[in-house]
Amino acid sequence: MAELLDVLPAAARRTRYPRDEWTDGRPRRLLAGRGFSTTVRGMHSTVQTRAKALDIAVAMVTEHDGRRPAGPERPLCIQFFPDRSYEAGPLRDG
């Protein structure tokens, strides 16, 4: 038989990645297989979706320095800008 509750409990936080750490404003290099478990394209989409939901600007670069293969193992470099809204976007040089 189902248990009756006085109030509905808060939902458990479901997050796979350390959001508070990643959104602190410092640039980070995420490595496939260690920093994330999806493709670079999938992680790019995940980061973009999270930035929009949190209303925080984010910049992303898929790194290719000639030493690493050009395949899905490429690092994804991200930097959130917690003082800027998603719509304002990251600060740009120039």
C-alpha atoms as a PDB file:
ATOM      1  CA  MET A   1       0.000   0.000   0.000  1.00  0.00           C
ATOM      2  CA  ALA A   2       1.240   3.518  -0.760  1.00  0.00           C
ATOM      3  CA  GLU A   3       2.404   5.747   2.064  1.00  0.00           C
ATOM      4  CA  LEU A   4       0.475   8.989   2.574  1.00  0.00           C
ATOM      5  CA  LEU A   5       2.541  12.183   2.827  1.00  0.00           C
ATOM      6  CA  ASP A   6       1.751  15.578   4.325  1.00  0.00           C
ATOM      7  CA  VAL A   7       3.674  17.354   1.551  1.00  0.00           C
ATOM      8  CA  LEU A   8       5.414  16.339  -1.640  1.00  0.00           C
ATOM      9  CA  PRO A   9       9.199  16.121  -1.014  1.00  0.00           C
ATOM     10  CA  ALA A  10      11.667  18.152  -3.044  1.00  0.00           C
ATOM     11  CA  ALA A  11      12.890  16.421  -6.177  1.00  0.00           C
ATOM     12  CA  ALA A  12      16.391  14.993  -6.048  1.00  0.00           C
ATOM     13  CA  ARG A  13      18.952  17.033  -7.993  1.00  0.00           C
ATOM     14  CA  ARG A  14      19.931  15.122 -11.074  1.00  0.00           C
ATOM     15  CA  THR A  15      23.163  16.456 -12.420  1.00  0.00           C
ATOM     16  CA  ARG A  16      25.965  14.567 -14.017  1.00  0.00           C
ATOM     17  CA  TYR A  17      28.484  17.401 -14.046  1.00  0.00           C
ATOM     18  CA  PRO A  18      29.779  19.749 -11.293  1.00  0.00           C
ATOM     19  CA  ARG A  19      27.703  22.769 -12.337  1.00  0.00           C
ATOM     20  CA  ASP A  20      28.735  25.001  -9.426  1.00  0.00           C
ATOM     21  CA  GLU A  21      32.411  24.361 -10.132  1.00  0.00           C
ATOM     22  CA  TRP A  22      32.151  24.852 -13.895  1.00  0.00           C
ATOM     23  CA  THR A  23      30.157  28.097 -13.658  1.00  0.00           C
ATOM     24  CA  ASP A  24      32.632  29.877 -11.353  1.00  0.00           C
ATOM     25  CA  GLY A  25      34.080  31.954 -14.202  1.00  0.00           C
ATOM     26  CA  ARG A  26      37.381  30.132 -14.667  1.00  0.00           C
ATOM     27  CA  PRO A  27      38.171  28.591 -18.079  1.00  0.00           C
ATOM     28  CA  ARG A  28      38.276  24.788 -18.162  1.00  0.00           C
ATOM     29  CA  ARG A  29      39.412  22.098 -20.581  1.00  0.00           C
ATOM     30  CA  LEU A  30      37.068  19.092 -20.611  1.00  0.00           C
ATOM     31  CA  LEU A  31      38.379  15.847 -22.027  1.00  0.00           C
ATOM     32  CA  ALA A  32      36.090  13.242 -23.581  1.00  0.00           C
ATOM     33  CA  GLY A  33      36.031  10.110 -21.471  1.00  0.00           C
ATOM     34  CA  ARG A  34      37.326  11.963 -18.400  1.00  0.00           C
ATOM     35  CA  GLY A  35      35.489  15.286 -18.221  1.00  0.00           C
ATOM     36  CA  PHE A  36      32.376  14.111 -20.024  1.00  0.00           C
ATOM     37  CA  SER A  37      30.964  10.872 -21.343  1.00  0.00           C
ATOM     38  CA  THR A  38      29.310  11.980 -24.584  1.00  0.00           C
ATOM     39  CA  THR A  39      30.565  13.368 -27.889  1.00  0.00           C
ATOM     40  CA  VAL A  40      32.072  16.842 -28.128  1.00  0.00           C
ATOM     41  CA  ARG A  41      28.976  17.947 -30.033  1.00  0.00           C
ATOM     42  CA  GLY A  42      26.716  16.455 -27.353  1.00  0.00           C
ATOM     43  CA  MET A  43      28.657  18.136 -24.559  1.00  0.00           C
ATOM     44  CA  HIS A  44      28.589  21.457 -26.423  1.00  0.00           C
ATOM     45  CA  SER A  45      24.802  21.183 -26.539  1.00  0.00           C
ATOM     46  CA  THR A  46      24.617  20.228 -22.850  1.00  0.00           C
ATOM     47  CA  VAL A  47      26.737  23.211 -21.792  1.00  0.00           C
ATOM     48  CA  GLN A  48      24.744  25.591 -24.005  1.00  0.00           C
ATOM     49  CA  THR A  49      21.441  24.327 -22.605  1.00  0.00           C
ATOM     50  CA  ARG A  50      22.689  24.654 -19.024  1.00  0.00           C
ATOM     51  CA  ALA A  51      23.977  28.201 -19.646  1.00  0.00           C
ATOM     52  CA  LYS A  52      20.611  29.253 -21.065  1.00  0.00           C
ATOM     53  CA  ALA A  53      18.699  27.664 -18.168  1.00  0.00           C
ATOM     54  CA  LEU A  54      20.927  29.453 -15.636  1.00  0.00           C
ATOM     55  CA  ASP A  55      20.949  32.690 -17.688  1.00  0.00           C
ATOM     56  CA  ILE A  56      24.767  32.784 -17.681  1.00  0.00           C
ATOM     57  CA  ALA A  57      26.911  33.696 -20.689  1.00  0.00           C
ATOM     58  CA  VAL A  58      29.260  30.949 -21.875  1.00  0.00           C
ATOM     59  CA  ALA A  59      32.071  30.668 -24.422  1.00  0.00           C
ATOM     60  CA  MET A  60      33.182  27.334 -25.877  1.00  0.00           C
ATOM     61  CA  VAL A  61      36.063  26.310 -28.109  1.00  0.00           C
ATOM     62  CA  THR A  62      36.771  22.851 -29.469  1.00  0.00           C
ATOM     63  CA  GLU A  63      40.524  22.636 -29.137  1.00  0.00           C
ATOM     64  CA  HIS A  64      42.750  21.269 -31.867  1.00  0.00           C
ATOM     65  CA  ASP A  65      46.424  22.045 -31.453  1.00  0.00           C
ATOM     66  CA  GLY A  66      47.868  19.589 -33.973  1.00  0.00           C
ATOM     67  CA  ARG A  67      49.025  17.174 -31.285  1.00  0.00           C
ATOM     68  CA  ARG A  68      45.648  15.629 -30.592  1.00  0.00           C
ATOM     69  CA  PRO A  69      43.552  13.759 -33.131  1.00  0.00           C
ATOM     70  CA  ALA A  70      40.814  15.703 -34.895  1.00  0.00           C
ATOM     71  CA  GLY A  71      38.210  13.109 -33.897  1.00  0.00           C
ATOM     72  CA  PRO A  72      35.654  13.027 -31.095  1.00  0.00           C
ATOM     73  CA  GLU A  73      38.415  12.963 -28.448  1.00  0.00           C
ATOM     74  CA  ARG A  74      39.166  16.665 -28.915  1.00  0.00           C
ATOM     75  CA  PRO A  75      39.016  18.733 -25.734  1.00  0.00           C
ATOM     76  CA  LEU A  76      36.142  21.141 -25.274  1.00  0.00           C
ATOM     77  CA  CYS A  77      37.223  24.350 -23.542  1.00  0.00           C
ATOM     78  CA  ILE A  78      34.494  26.233 -21.705  1.00  0.00           C
ATOM     79  CA  GLN A  79      34.220  29.416 -19.694  1.00  0.00           C
ATOM     80  CA  PHE A  80      31.071  30.677 -18.024  1.00  0.00           C
ATOM     81  CA  PHE A  81      30.682  34.395 -17.295  1.00  0.00           C
ATOM     82  CA  PRO A  82      28.510  34.492 -14.154  1.00  0.00           C
ATOM     83  CA  ASP A  83      28.240  38.295 -14.189  1.00  0.00           C
ATOM     84  CA  ARG A  84      26.793  38.335 -17.723  1.00  0.00           C
ATOM     85  CA  SER A  85      23.406  37.121 -18.907  1.00  0.00           C
ATOM     86  CA  TYR A  86      23.063  34.388 -21.504  1.00  0.00           C
ATOM     87  CA  GLU A  87      21.634  36.875 -24.017  1.00  0.00           C
ATOM     88  CA  ALA A  88      24.486  39.367 -23.451  1.00  0.00           C
ATOM     89  CA  GLY A  89      26.975  36.636 -24.313  1.00  0.00           C
ATOM     90  CA  PRO A  90      30.606  36.371 -23.280  1.00  0.00           C
ATOM     91  CA  LEU A  91      33.065  39.238 -23.462  1.00  0.00           C
ATOM     92  CA  ARG A  92      34.774  39.376 -26.859  1.00  0.00           C
ATOM     93  CA  ASP A  93      38.246  40.628 -27.679  1.00  0.00           C
ATOM     94  CA  GLY A  94      38.421  43.483 -30.139  1.00  0.00           C
END
